[in-house]
Amino acid sequence: MHQSLLQSLRSVALADISLAGRVISANDGFYAVLQLAPGSVVDNVAPYISNPSFAELAAGAQRATPGQVVHQGLITFLGELGESRSLLAKVCRLGDHLAMIAEHDVPAAAEIVSRINDQILATRRVDVAAPDLTAPTPEWIDDAPVRPDVERAVRRMASRREAKSAIATLHRYVTQDEYVLETAVATAHP
C-alpha cells in the first residue's frame, strides 16, 4: 500500500490482511469502518467482516493466483460498536496476503443526515398520538392522480415551485395502502 499518500484518507478504506486475519497495514478509513482508533492492533479481522465472511475471502485467496481478484462487490463490515455497514469493495490476493479497498461515506455526511432527521422529528407537524392514517382516494386531474394527504404534507414542508416535478412523482408512487405524513426538499452543495 502507498502508506504515505493514502494513510489519512477516511472515505476510502485500504488494508493489507494476512490470510490468518491479522491486519498488516491499514489506512485511517479502514479503522473508521471498524470503529477503531487509527493504528489499532487487529490480530483477527474475522469478527469485523460478515458478508462474505473473512473465511470465505481467505478461502478464495487460497485458490487465486497473486494479483487475482478474490471478491468484487458489497462487503458487510461490523464495527466495534455493533454498527454494520455494507461497502462496495474489491479484494485481491497479493502474494501471501489480501489487499482490500472499499469506499464509504464520509462521517460528516452521516452526521448531517442525522441532524436533518432530528430536525424533522422535532417539528412534529402531525399529531403522532392519534393521526388518522386512512389513505384518501386520489382524484384524477390531467391524467394524473392527486392525493389530499400528499398536498397537505407538501404545503407544510416545501414551496410548490421548487418541487413541482417531485410532487407529481410522489402522487404517482404513493399506493392506496400508504399515507403521506411529511415531505421535504433538500439541496446539497459540495
N, C-alpha and C. Protein backbone atom coordinates (compact mmCIF):
# COMPACT_ATOMS: atom_id res chain seq x y z
N MET A 1 0.86 -1.18 0.00
CA MET A 1 0.00 0.00 0.00
C MET A 1 0.90 1.24 0.00
N HIS A 2 0.46 2.29 -0.67
CA HIS A 2 1.19 3.56 -0.68
C HIS A 2 0.83 4.31 0.59
N GLN A 3 1.39 3.84 1.68
CA GLN A 3 1.04 4.29 3.03
C GLN A 3 1.04 5.81 3.17
N SER A 4 2.09 6.47 2.74
CA SER A 4 2.20 7.90 2.98
C SER A 4 1.14 8.71 2.25
N LEU A 5 0.75 8.29 1.05
CA LEU A 5 -0.23 9.03 0.27
C LEU A 5 -1.67 8.79 0.73
N LEU A 6 -1.95 7.58 1.21
CA LEU A 6 -3.33 7.17 1.47
C LEU A 6 -3.67 7.02 2.95
N GLN A 7 -2.70 7.17 3.83
CA GLN A 7 -2.90 6.88 5.25
C GLN A 7 -4.04 7.69 5.87
N SER A 8 -4.13 8.96 5.58
CA SER A 8 -5.12 9.80 6.26
C SER A 8 -6.48 9.83 5.57
N LEU A 9 -6.62 9.19 4.42
CA LEU A 9 -7.93 9.17 3.75
C LEU A 9 -8.96 8.46 4.62
N ARG A 10 -10.15 9.05 4.72
CA ARG A 10 -11.20 8.43 5.53
C ARG A 10 -12.38 7.96 4.68
N SER A 11 -12.48 8.43 3.45
CA SER A 11 -13.59 8.00 2.60
C SER A 11 -13.25 6.74 1.81
N VAL A 12 -12.01 6.30 1.89
CA VAL A 12 -11.57 5.07 1.26
C VAL A 12 -10.90 4.22 2.33
N ALA A 13 -11.34 2.97 2.43
CA ALA A 13 -10.74 2.04 3.40
C ALA A 13 -9.78 1.13 2.66
N LEU A 14 -8.52 1.11 3.09
CA LEU A 14 -7.48 0.28 2.48
C LEU A 14 -6.84 -0.57 3.56
N ALA A 15 -6.58 -1.84 3.25
CA ALA A 15 -5.91 -2.70 4.22
C ALA A 15 -5.20 -3.85 3.53
N ASP A 16 -4.08 -4.23 4.09
CA ASP A 16 -3.39 -5.46 3.74
C ASP A 16 -3.62 -6.39 4.92
N ILE A 17 -4.18 -7.58 4.64
CA ILE A 17 -4.57 -8.51 5.71
C ILE A 17 -3.98 -9.88 5.42
N SER A 18 -3.34 -10.47 6.43
CA SER A 18 -2.78 -11.81 6.25
C SER A 18 -3.92 -12.81 6.08
N LEU A 19 -3.61 -13.96 5.49
CA LEU A 19 -4.64 -14.98 5.30
C LEU A 19 -5.14 -15.54 6.63
N ALA A 20 -4.38 -15.30 7.70
CA ALA A 20 -4.81 -15.71 9.04
C ALA A 20 -5.72 -14.66 9.68
N GLY A 21 -5.86 -13.48 9.05
CA GLY A 21 -6.76 -12.46 9.54
C GLY A 21 -6.12 -11.30 10.27
N ARG A 22 -4.80 -11.25 10.34
CA ARG A 22 -4.11 -10.15 11.02
C ARG A 22 -3.98 -8.96 10.07
N VAL A 23 -4.32 -7.77 10.56
CA VAL A 23 -4.17 -6.56 9.74
C VAL A 23 -2.68 -6.21 9.72
N ILE A 24 -2.10 -6.29 8.53
CA ILE A 24 -0.68 -5.98 8.34
C ILE A 24 -0.48 -4.48 8.30
N SER A 25 -1.31 -3.81 7.51
CA SER A 25 -1.30 -2.35 7.45
C SER A 25 -2.67 -1.89 6.98
N ALA A 26 -3.05 -0.70 7.40
CA ALA A 26 -4.35 -0.16 7.02
C ALA A 26 -4.32 1.36 7.13
N ASN A 27 -5.18 2.01 6.38
CA ASN A 27 -5.26 3.46 6.49
C ASN A 27 -6.35 3.84 7.50
N ASP A 28 -6.46 5.14 7.77
CA ASP A 28 -7.42 5.63 8.77
C ASP A 28 -8.86 5.29 8.40
N GLY A 29 -9.17 5.26 7.09
CA GLY A 29 -10.52 4.93 6.65
C GLY A 29 -10.93 3.51 7.01
N PHE A 30 -9.99 2.56 6.96
CA PHE A 30 -10.29 1.19 7.33
C PHE A 30 -10.61 1.11 8.82
N TYR A 31 -9.81 1.78 9.63
CA TYR A 31 -10.07 1.77 11.08
C TYR A 31 -11.39 2.47 11.40
N ALA A 32 -11.74 3.49 10.64
CA ALA A 32 -13.03 4.18 10.85
C ALA A 32 -14.20 3.24 10.60
N VAL A 33 -14.09 2.41 9.55
CA VAL A 33 -15.15 1.44 9.25
C VAL A 33 -15.30 0.44 10.40
N LEU A 34 -14.17 0.03 10.99
CA LEU A 34 -14.20 -0.91 12.10
C LEU A 34 -14.52 -0.23 13.44
N GLN A 35 -14.63 1.11 13.40
CA GLN A 35 -14.89 1.92 14.61
C GLN A 35 -13.77 1.73 15.63
N LEU A 36 -12.54 1.73 15.13
CA LEU A 36 -11.36 1.60 15.98
C LEU A 36 -10.47 2.83 15.78
N ALA A 37 -9.62 3.08 16.75
CA ALA A 37 -8.67 4.19 16.63
C ALA A 37 -7.65 3.85 15.54
N PRO A 38 -7.22 4.85 14.76
CA PRO A 38 -6.21 4.60 13.74
C PRO A 38 -4.98 3.93 14.35
N GLY A 39 -4.45 2.92 13.66
CA GLY A 39 -3.27 2.23 14.11
C GLY A 39 -3.52 1.13 15.13
N SER A 40 -4.79 0.87 15.43
CA SER A 40 -5.10 -0.20 16.40
C SER A 40 -4.55 -1.53 15.90
N VAL A 41 -4.18 -2.39 16.85
CA VAL A 41 -3.72 -3.72 16.50
C VAL A 41 -4.94 -4.62 16.33
N VAL A 42 -5.05 -5.23 15.16
CA VAL A 42 -6.15 -6.16 14.89
C VAL A 42 -5.53 -7.49 14.49
N ASP A 43 -5.53 -8.43 15.43
CA ASP A 43 -4.95 -9.74 15.18
C ASP A 43 -5.90 -10.68 14.45
N ASN A 44 -7.21 -10.38 14.52
CA ASN A 44 -8.19 -11.23 13.86
C ASN A 44 -9.31 -10.35 13.32
N VAL A 45 -9.30 -10.13 12.03
CA VAL A 45 -10.28 -9.25 11.40
C VAL A 45 -11.62 -9.97 11.17
N ALA A 46 -11.65 -11.29 11.33
CA ALA A 46 -12.85 -12.08 11.03
C ALA A 46 -14.13 -11.56 11.71
N PRO A 47 -14.11 -11.17 12.98
CA PRO A 47 -15.36 -10.68 13.59
C PRO A 47 -15.90 -9.39 12.97
N TYR A 48 -15.06 -8.69 12.23
CA TYR A 48 -15.46 -7.41 11.65
C TYR A 48 -16.01 -7.53 10.22
N ILE A 49 -15.89 -8.71 9.61
CA ILE A 49 -16.32 -8.89 8.22
C ILE A 49 -17.34 -10.03 8.19
N SER A 50 -18.57 -9.72 7.72
CA SER A 50 -19.61 -10.75 7.82
C SER A 50 -20.19 -11.25 6.50
N ASN A 51 -20.18 -10.47 5.45
CA ASN A 51 -20.83 -10.94 4.24
C ASN A 51 -20.14 -10.38 3.00
N PRO A 52 -19.29 -11.14 2.32
CA PRO A 52 -18.91 -12.51 2.65
C PRO A 52 -18.03 -12.51 3.89
N SER A 53 -17.93 -13.66 4.53
CA SER A 53 -17.11 -13.76 5.74
C SER A 53 -15.64 -13.70 5.38
N PHE A 54 -14.81 -13.38 6.39
CA PHE A 54 -13.37 -13.37 6.13
C PHE A 54 -12.90 -14.76 5.74
N ALA A 55 -13.49 -15.81 6.32
CA ALA A 55 -13.11 -17.18 5.98
C ALA A 55 -13.35 -17.45 4.49
N GLU A 56 -14.46 -16.93 3.95
CA GLU A 56 -14.74 -17.11 2.52
C GLU A 56 -13.73 -16.35 1.66
N LEU A 57 -13.37 -15.14 2.10
CA LEU A 57 -12.38 -14.36 1.35
C LEU A 57 -11.01 -15.06 1.38
N ALA A 58 -10.62 -15.56 2.55
CA ALA A 58 -9.33 -16.24 2.68
C ALA A 58 -9.31 -17.53 1.85
N ALA A 59 -10.42 -18.27 1.83
CA ALA A 59 -10.50 -19.50 1.02
C ALA A 59 -10.39 -19.16 -0.46
N GLY A 60 -11.03 -18.07 -0.87
CA GLY A 60 -10.92 -17.63 -2.26
C GLY A 60 -9.49 -17.25 -2.61
N ALA A 61 -8.79 -16.65 -1.66
CA ALA A 61 -7.40 -16.25 -1.89
C ALA A 61 -6.50 -17.47 -2.04
N GLN A 62 -6.81 -18.53 -1.31
CA GLN A 62 -6.01 -19.76 -1.41
C GLN A 62 -6.07 -20.33 -2.83
N ARG A 63 -7.23 -20.17 -3.48
CA ARG A 63 -7.41 -20.70 -4.83
C ARG A 63 -6.92 -19.73 -5.91
N ALA A 64 -6.75 -18.46 -5.53
CA ALA A 64 -6.40 -17.43 -6.51
C ALA A 64 -4.90 -17.36 -6.74
N THR A 65 -4.54 -16.84 -7.89
CA THR A 65 -3.13 -16.57 -8.18
C THR A 65 -2.82 -15.15 -7.71
N PRO A 66 -1.56 -14.84 -7.42
CA PRO A 66 -1.21 -13.48 -6.99
C PRO A 66 -1.70 -12.43 -8.00
N GLY A 67 -2.34 -11.40 -7.48
CA GLY A 67 -2.89 -10.34 -8.31
C GLY A 67 -4.32 -10.56 -8.74
N GLN A 68 -4.83 -11.77 -8.54
CA GLN A 68 -6.20 -12.08 -8.97
C GLN A 68 -7.23 -11.52 -7.99
N VAL A 69 -8.35 -11.06 -8.52
CA VAL A 69 -9.44 -10.55 -7.70
C VAL A 69 -10.14 -11.73 -7.03
N VAL A 70 -10.28 -11.64 -5.72
CA VAL A 70 -10.94 -12.68 -4.93
C VAL A 70 -12.43 -12.35 -4.77
N HIS A 71 -12.72 -11.06 -4.59
CA HIS A 71 -14.11 -10.61 -4.42
C HIS A 71 -14.22 -9.18 -4.92
N GLN A 72 -15.33 -8.90 -5.61
CA GLN A 72 -15.63 -7.54 -6.03
C GLN A 72 -17.12 -7.35 -5.85
N GLY A 73 -17.50 -6.41 -5.03
CA GLY A 73 -18.90 -6.15 -4.74
C GLY A 73 -19.06 -5.69 -3.30
N LEU A 74 -20.25 -5.87 -2.75
CA LEU A 74 -20.51 -5.43 -1.38
C LEU A 74 -19.87 -6.35 -0.35
N ILE A 75 -19.31 -5.75 0.68
CA ILE A 75 -18.83 -6.46 1.87
C ILE A 75 -19.47 -5.78 3.06
N THR A 76 -20.03 -6.58 3.97
CA THR A 76 -20.62 -6.03 5.18
C THR A 76 -19.59 -6.09 6.30
N PHE A 77 -19.30 -4.91 6.86
CA PHE A 77 -18.38 -4.78 7.98
C PHE A 77 -19.19 -4.57 9.24
N LEU A 78 -18.74 -5.15 10.34
CA LEU A 78 -19.36 -4.95 11.64
C LEU A 78 -18.38 -4.15 12.48
N GLY A 79 -18.79 -2.96 12.89
CA GLY A 79 -17.90 -2.11 13.68
C GLY A 79 -17.79 -2.58 15.13
N GLU A 80 -16.81 -2.08 15.81
CA GLU A 80 -16.57 -2.42 17.22
C GLU A 80 -17.78 -2.10 18.08
N LEU A 81 -18.57 -1.09 17.68
CA LEU A 81 -19.75 -0.69 18.45
C LEU A 81 -21.02 -1.40 18.00
N GLY A 82 -20.88 -2.39 17.11
CA GLY A 82 -22.02 -3.19 16.68
C GLY A 82 -22.72 -2.67 15.44
N GLU A 83 -22.29 -1.56 14.90
CA GLU A 83 -22.92 -0.98 13.70
C GLU A 83 -22.44 -1.72 12.46
N SER A 84 -23.39 -2.16 11.63
CA SER A 84 -23.00 -2.82 10.38
C SER A 84 -23.05 -1.81 9.25
N ARG A 85 -22.18 -2.02 8.28
CA ARG A 85 -22.11 -1.12 7.13
C ARG A 85 -21.66 -1.92 5.93
N SER A 86 -22.43 -1.88 4.85
CA SER A 86 -22.07 -2.57 3.61
C SER A 86 -21.39 -1.58 2.68
N LEU A 87 -20.22 -1.96 2.21
CA LEU A 87 -19.43 -1.08 1.36
C LEU A 87 -19.10 -1.78 0.05
N LEU A 88 -18.98 -1.00 -0.99
CA LEU A 88 -18.52 -1.51 -2.27
C LEU A 88 -17.02 -1.72 -2.16
N ALA A 89 -16.56 -2.95 -2.40
CA ALA A 89 -15.16 -3.27 -2.14
C ALA A 89 -14.58 -4.16 -3.23
N LYS A 90 -13.26 -4.21 -3.23
CA LYS A 90 -12.52 -5.11 -4.10
C LYS A 90 -11.41 -5.72 -3.25
N VAL A 91 -11.31 -7.05 -3.32
CA VAL A 91 -10.29 -7.78 -2.56
C VAL A 91 -9.47 -8.59 -3.55
N CYS A 92 -8.14 -8.45 -3.48
CA CYS A 92 -7.23 -9.17 -4.35
C CYS A 92 -6.22 -9.94 -3.51
N ARG A 93 -5.69 -10.99 -4.10
CA ARG A 93 -4.58 -11.69 -3.45
C ARG A 93 -3.30 -11.02 -3.90
N LEU A 94 -2.48 -10.63 -2.92
CA LEU A 94 -1.16 -10.08 -3.20
C LEU A 94 -0.14 -10.93 -2.46
N GLY A 95 0.51 -11.82 -3.16
CA GLY A 95 1.48 -12.70 -2.51
C GLY A 95 0.79 -13.59 -1.49
N ASP A 96 1.20 -13.46 -0.23
CA ASP A 96 0.65 -14.30 0.83
C ASP A 96 -0.39 -13.57 1.68
N HIS A 97 -0.96 -12.51 1.15
CA HIS A 97 -1.98 -11.78 1.91
C HIS A 97 -3.05 -11.19 0.98
N LEU A 98 -4.08 -10.63 1.59
CA LEU A 98 -5.16 -9.98 0.85
C LEU A 98 -4.96 -8.47 0.86
N ALA A 99 -5.28 -7.83 -0.24
CA ALA A 99 -5.34 -6.38 -0.31
C ALA A 99 -6.80 -6.01 -0.49
N MET A 100 -7.30 -5.13 0.36
CA MET A 100 -8.71 -4.76 0.33
C MET A 100 -8.82 -3.25 0.15
N ILE A 101 -9.73 -2.85 -0.72
CA ILE A 101 -10.05 -1.43 -0.88
C ILE A 101 -11.57 -1.33 -0.91
N ALA A 102 -12.09 -0.38 -0.15
CA ALA A 102 -13.54 -0.17 -0.09
C ALA A 102 -13.81 1.32 0.02
N GLU A 103 -14.90 1.74 -0.58
CA GLU A 103 -15.26 3.16 -0.49
C GLU A 103 -16.47 3.30 0.42
N HIS A 104 -16.50 4.35 1.18
CA HIS A 104 -17.63 4.58 2.08
C HIS A 104 -17.87 6.06 2.25
N ASP A 105 -19.00 6.36 2.88
CA ASP A 105 -19.37 7.75 3.07
C ASP A 105 -18.46 8.42 4.08
N VAL A 106 -18.32 9.69 3.93
CA VAL A 106 -17.52 10.47 4.86
C VAL A 106 -18.35 10.63 6.14
N PRO A 107 -17.76 10.44 7.31
CA PRO A 107 -18.52 10.55 8.56
C PRO A 107 -19.30 11.86 8.69
N ALA A 108 -18.80 12.92 8.11
CA ALA A 108 -19.51 14.20 8.18
C ALA A 108 -20.88 14.10 7.50
N ALA A 109 -20.97 13.34 6.40
CA ALA A 109 -22.25 13.19 5.71
C ALA A 109 -23.25 12.45 6.60
N ALA A 110 -22.79 11.43 7.30
CA ALA A 110 -23.68 10.70 8.21
C ALA A 110 -24.18 11.62 9.32
N GLU A 111 -23.32 12.50 9.80
CA GLU A 111 -23.72 13.45 10.85
C GLU A 111 -24.76 14.43 10.32
N ILE A 112 -24.61 14.89 9.10
CA ILE A 112 -25.58 15.82 8.50
C ILE A 112 -26.94 15.15 8.38
N VAL A 113 -26.97 13.90 7.89
CA VAL A 113 -28.23 13.17 7.77
C VAL A 113 -28.88 12.99 9.14
N SER A 114 -28.09 12.69 10.14
CA SER A 114 -28.61 12.52 11.50
C SER A 114 -29.23 13.81 12.01
N ARG A 115 -28.58 14.94 11.77
CA ARG A 115 -29.11 16.24 12.22
C ARG A 115 -30.41 16.58 11.49
N ILE A 116 -30.47 16.29 10.20
CA ILE A 116 -31.70 16.55 9.44
C ILE A 116 -32.84 15.70 10.00
N ASN A 117 -32.58 14.42 10.25
CA ASN A 117 -33.61 13.55 10.82
C ASN A 117 -34.08 14.08 12.17
N ASP A 118 -33.16 14.53 13.00
CA ASP A 118 -33.53 15.08 14.31
C ASP A 118 -34.41 16.32 14.16
N GLN A 119 -34.10 17.18 13.19
CA GLN A 119 -34.90 18.39 12.96
C GLN A 119 -36.30 18.03 12.48
N ILE A 120 -36.41 17.03 11.60
CA ILE A 120 -37.72 16.62 11.11
C ILE A 120 -38.56 16.07 12.25
N LEU A 121 -37.95 15.23 13.08
CA LEU A 121 -38.68 14.68 14.22
C LEU A 121 -39.09 15.77 15.21
N ALA A 122 -38.24 16.77 15.37
CA ALA A 122 -38.54 17.84 16.32
C ALA A 122 -39.72 18.71 15.89
N THR A 123 -39.98 18.80 14.59
CA THR A 123 -41.07 19.66 14.13
C THR A 123 -42.43 19.11 14.51
N ARG A 124 -42.57 17.78 14.56
CA ARG A 124 -43.81 17.11 14.96
C ARG A 124 -45.04 17.83 14.39
N ARG A 125 -45.07 17.91 13.09
CA ARG A 125 -46.15 18.63 12.42
C ARG A 125 -47.46 17.86 12.38
N VAL A 126 -47.45 16.59 12.72
CA VAL A 126 -48.66 15.78 12.72
C VAL A 126 -48.85 15.25 14.13
N ASP A 127 -50.10 15.20 14.60
CA ASP A 127 -50.37 14.65 15.91
C ASP A 127 -50.09 13.15 15.86
N VAL A 128 -48.90 12.76 16.30
CA VAL A 128 -48.47 11.38 16.21
C VAL A 128 -49.26 10.50 17.17
N ALA A 129 -49.81 11.08 18.22
CA ALA A 129 -50.55 10.28 19.20
C ALA A 129 -51.79 9.65 18.60
N ALA A 130 -52.49 10.37 17.73
CA ALA A 130 -53.73 9.82 17.16
C ALA A 130 -53.98 10.31 15.75
N PRO A 131 -53.06 10.07 14.82
CA PRO A 131 -53.31 10.53 13.45
C PRO A 131 -54.32 9.62 12.75
N ASP A 132 -55.09 10.20 11.85
CA ASP A 132 -55.99 9.40 11.01
C ASP A 132 -55.19 9.02 9.77
N LEU A 133 -54.80 7.76 9.69
CA LEU A 133 -53.95 7.31 8.60
C LEU A 133 -54.72 6.53 7.54
N THR A 134 -56.01 6.82 7.44
CA THR A 134 -56.79 6.20 6.38
C THR A 134 -56.39 6.85 5.06
N ALA A 135 -55.91 6.05 4.14
CA ALA A 135 -55.45 6.59 2.86
C ALA A 135 -56.64 7.14 2.08
N PRO A 136 -56.57 8.42 1.66
CA PRO A 136 -57.66 9.01 0.89
C PRO A 136 -57.65 8.53 -0.56
N THR A 137 -58.79 8.58 -1.18
CA THR A 137 -58.92 8.21 -2.58
C THR A 137 -58.36 9.33 -3.43
N PRO A 138 -57.50 9.01 -4.39
CA PRO A 138 -56.94 10.08 -5.23
C PRO A 138 -57.97 10.60 -6.23
N GLU A 139 -57.84 11.88 -6.56
CA GLU A 139 -58.63 12.47 -7.64
C GLU A 139 -57.74 12.45 -8.89
N TRP A 140 -58.34 12.25 -10.04
CA TRP A 140 -57.56 12.23 -11.28
C TRP A 140 -57.70 13.58 -11.95
N ILE A 141 -56.57 14.29 -12.05
CA ILE A 141 -56.54 15.61 -12.68
C ILE A 141 -55.46 15.57 -13.76
N ASP A 142 -55.84 15.92 -14.98
CA ASP A 142 -54.91 15.90 -16.12
C ASP A 142 -54.20 14.55 -16.24
N ASP A 143 -54.97 13.46 -16.16
CA ASP A 143 -54.46 12.09 -16.31
C ASP A 143 -53.40 11.71 -15.26
N ALA A 144 -53.45 12.34 -14.11
CA ALA A 144 -52.52 12.00 -13.04
C ALA A 144 -53.26 12.02 -11.71
N PRO A 145 -52.90 11.10 -10.80
CA PRO A 145 -53.58 11.09 -9.50
C PRO A 145 -53.11 12.24 -8.62
N VAL A 146 -54.04 12.79 -7.84
CA VAL A 146 -53.72 13.84 -6.87
C VAL A 146 -54.32 13.41 -5.54
N ARG A 147 -53.47 13.27 -4.52
CA ARG A 147 -53.91 12.81 -3.21
C ARG A 147 -53.93 13.97 -2.23
N PRO A 148 -55.01 14.14 -1.45
CA PRO A 148 -55.07 15.23 -0.48
C PRO A 148 -53.99 15.14 0.60
N ASP A 149 -53.62 13.93 1.02
CA ASP A 149 -52.60 13.81 2.06
C ASP A 149 -51.24 14.28 1.55
N VAL A 150 -50.95 14.01 0.27
CA VAL A 150 -49.70 14.49 -0.32
C VAL A 150 -49.73 16.01 -0.39
N GLU A 151 -50.83 16.55 -0.81
CA GLU A 151 -50.95 18.01 -0.91
C GLU A 151 -50.73 18.69 0.45
N ARG A 152 -51.34 18.14 1.52
CA ARG A 152 -51.16 18.72 2.86
C ARG A 152 -49.70 18.63 3.32
N ALA A 153 -49.08 17.49 3.11
CA ALA A 153 -47.70 17.32 3.53
C ALA A 153 -46.78 18.27 2.77
N VAL A 154 -47.04 18.44 1.49
CA VAL A 154 -46.22 19.34 0.68
C VAL A 154 -46.39 20.79 1.13
N ARG A 155 -47.61 21.20 1.41
CA ARG A 155 -47.84 22.58 1.86
C ARG A 155 -47.09 22.89 3.16
N ARG A 156 -46.96 21.91 4.03
CA ARG A 156 -46.26 22.13 5.30
C ARG A 156 -44.75 22.24 5.13
N MET A 157 -44.19 21.59 4.13
CA MET A 157 -42.74 21.43 4.10
C MET A 157 -42.01 22.15 2.95
N ALA A 158 -42.63 22.42 1.83
CA ALA A 158 -41.85 22.91 0.70
C ALA A 158 -42.65 23.86 -0.17
N SER A 159 -41.93 24.71 -0.84
CA SER A 159 -42.54 25.58 -1.84
C SER A 159 -42.89 24.75 -3.06
N ARG A 160 -44.09 24.90 -3.59
CA ARG A 160 -44.52 24.10 -4.74
C ARG A 160 -43.64 24.36 -5.96
N ARG A 161 -43.21 25.60 -6.14
CA ARG A 161 -42.41 25.94 -7.30
C ARG A 161 -41.11 25.14 -7.34
N GLU A 162 -40.45 25.00 -6.19
CA GLU A 162 -39.17 24.30 -6.13
C GLU A 162 -39.30 22.80 -6.36
N ALA A 163 -40.46 22.25 -6.03
CA ALA A 163 -40.59 20.79 -6.01
C ALA A 163 -41.69 20.25 -6.91
N LYS A 164 -42.09 21.00 -7.90
CA LYS A 164 -43.24 20.62 -8.72
C LYS A 164 -43.11 19.22 -9.32
N SER A 165 -41.97 18.90 -9.93
CA SER A 165 -41.83 17.58 -10.56
C SER A 165 -41.77 16.47 -9.52
N ALA A 166 -41.13 16.75 -8.38
CA ALA A 166 -41.05 15.74 -7.32
C ALA A 166 -42.42 15.46 -6.73
N ILE A 167 -43.25 16.48 -6.62
CA ILE A 167 -44.60 16.31 -6.08
C ILE A 167 -45.44 15.46 -7.02
N ALA A 168 -45.34 15.73 -8.31
CA ALA A 168 -46.09 14.93 -9.30
C ALA A 168 -45.66 13.47 -9.24
N THR A 169 -44.37 13.23 -9.10
CA THR A 169 -43.87 11.86 -8.99
C THR A 169 -44.38 11.21 -7.72
N LEU A 170 -44.39 11.93 -6.62
CA LEU A 170 -44.88 11.39 -5.35
C LEU A 170 -46.34 10.99 -5.45
N HIS A 171 -47.16 11.79 -6.10
CA HIS A 171 -48.58 11.45 -6.29
C HIS A 171 -48.71 10.10 -7.01
N ARG A 172 -47.85 9.84 -7.99
CA ARG A 172 -47.92 8.59 -8.74
C ARG A 172 -47.41 7.39 -7.95
N TYR A 173 -46.41 7.59 -7.07
CA TYR A 173 -45.79 6.48 -6.35
C TYR A 173 -46.54 6.03 -5.10
N VAL A 174 -47.29 6.89 -4.48
CA VAL A 174 -47.98 6.54 -3.24
C VAL A 174 -49.09 5.54 -3.55
N THR A 175 -49.09 4.40 -2.87
CA THR A 175 -50.09 3.37 -3.11
C THR A 175 -51.30 3.58 -2.20
N GLN A 176 -52.37 2.84 -2.45
CA GLN A 176 -53.58 3.01 -1.65
C GLN A 176 -53.42 2.51 -0.22
N ASP A 177 -52.35 1.78 0.07
CA ASP A 177 -52.09 1.30 1.43
C ASP A 177 -51.17 2.24 2.20
N GLU A 178 -50.74 3.34 1.60
CA GLU A 178 -49.80 4.26 2.23
C GLU A 178 -50.47 5.60 2.49
N TYR A 179 -49.92 6.30 3.50
CA TYR A 179 -50.40 7.63 3.86
C TYR A 179 -49.19 8.53 4.01
N VAL A 180 -49.21 9.68 3.37
CA VAL A 180 -48.07 10.60 3.40
C VAL A 180 -48.23 11.57 4.56
N LEU A 181 -47.26 11.55 5.50
CA LEU A 181 -47.29 12.46 6.64
C LEU A 181 -46.44 13.70 6.40
N GLU A 182 -45.23 13.50 5.90
CA GLU A 182 -44.29 14.61 5.74
C GLU A 182 -43.55 14.48 4.42
N THR A 183 -43.12 15.61 3.91
CA THR A 183 -42.23 15.66 2.75
C THR A 183 -41.17 16.69 3.05
N ALA A 184 -40.08 16.63 2.32
CA ALA A 184 -39.03 17.62 2.47
C ALA A 184 -38.26 17.73 1.17
N VAL A 185 -37.73 18.89 0.91
CA VAL A 185 -36.85 19.12 -0.22
C VAL A 185 -35.52 19.50 0.35
N ALA A 186 -34.45 18.84 -0.12
CA ALA A 186 -33.11 19.14 0.37
C ALA A 186 -32.21 19.43 -0.82
N THR A 187 -31.34 20.38 -0.65
CA THR A 187 -30.36 20.71 -1.67
C THR A 187 -28.99 20.56 -1.03
N ALA A 188 -28.09 19.82 -1.68
CA ALA A 188 -26.73 19.62 -1.16
C ALA A 188 -25.74 20.39 -2.01
N HIS A 189 -24.81 21.01 -1.37
CA HIS A 189 -23.73 21.71 -2.05
C HIS A 189 -22.41 21.15 -1.57
N PRO A 190 -21.45 20.86 -2.49
CA PRO A 190 -20.15 20.31 -2.06
C PRO A 190 -19.36 21.32 -1.25
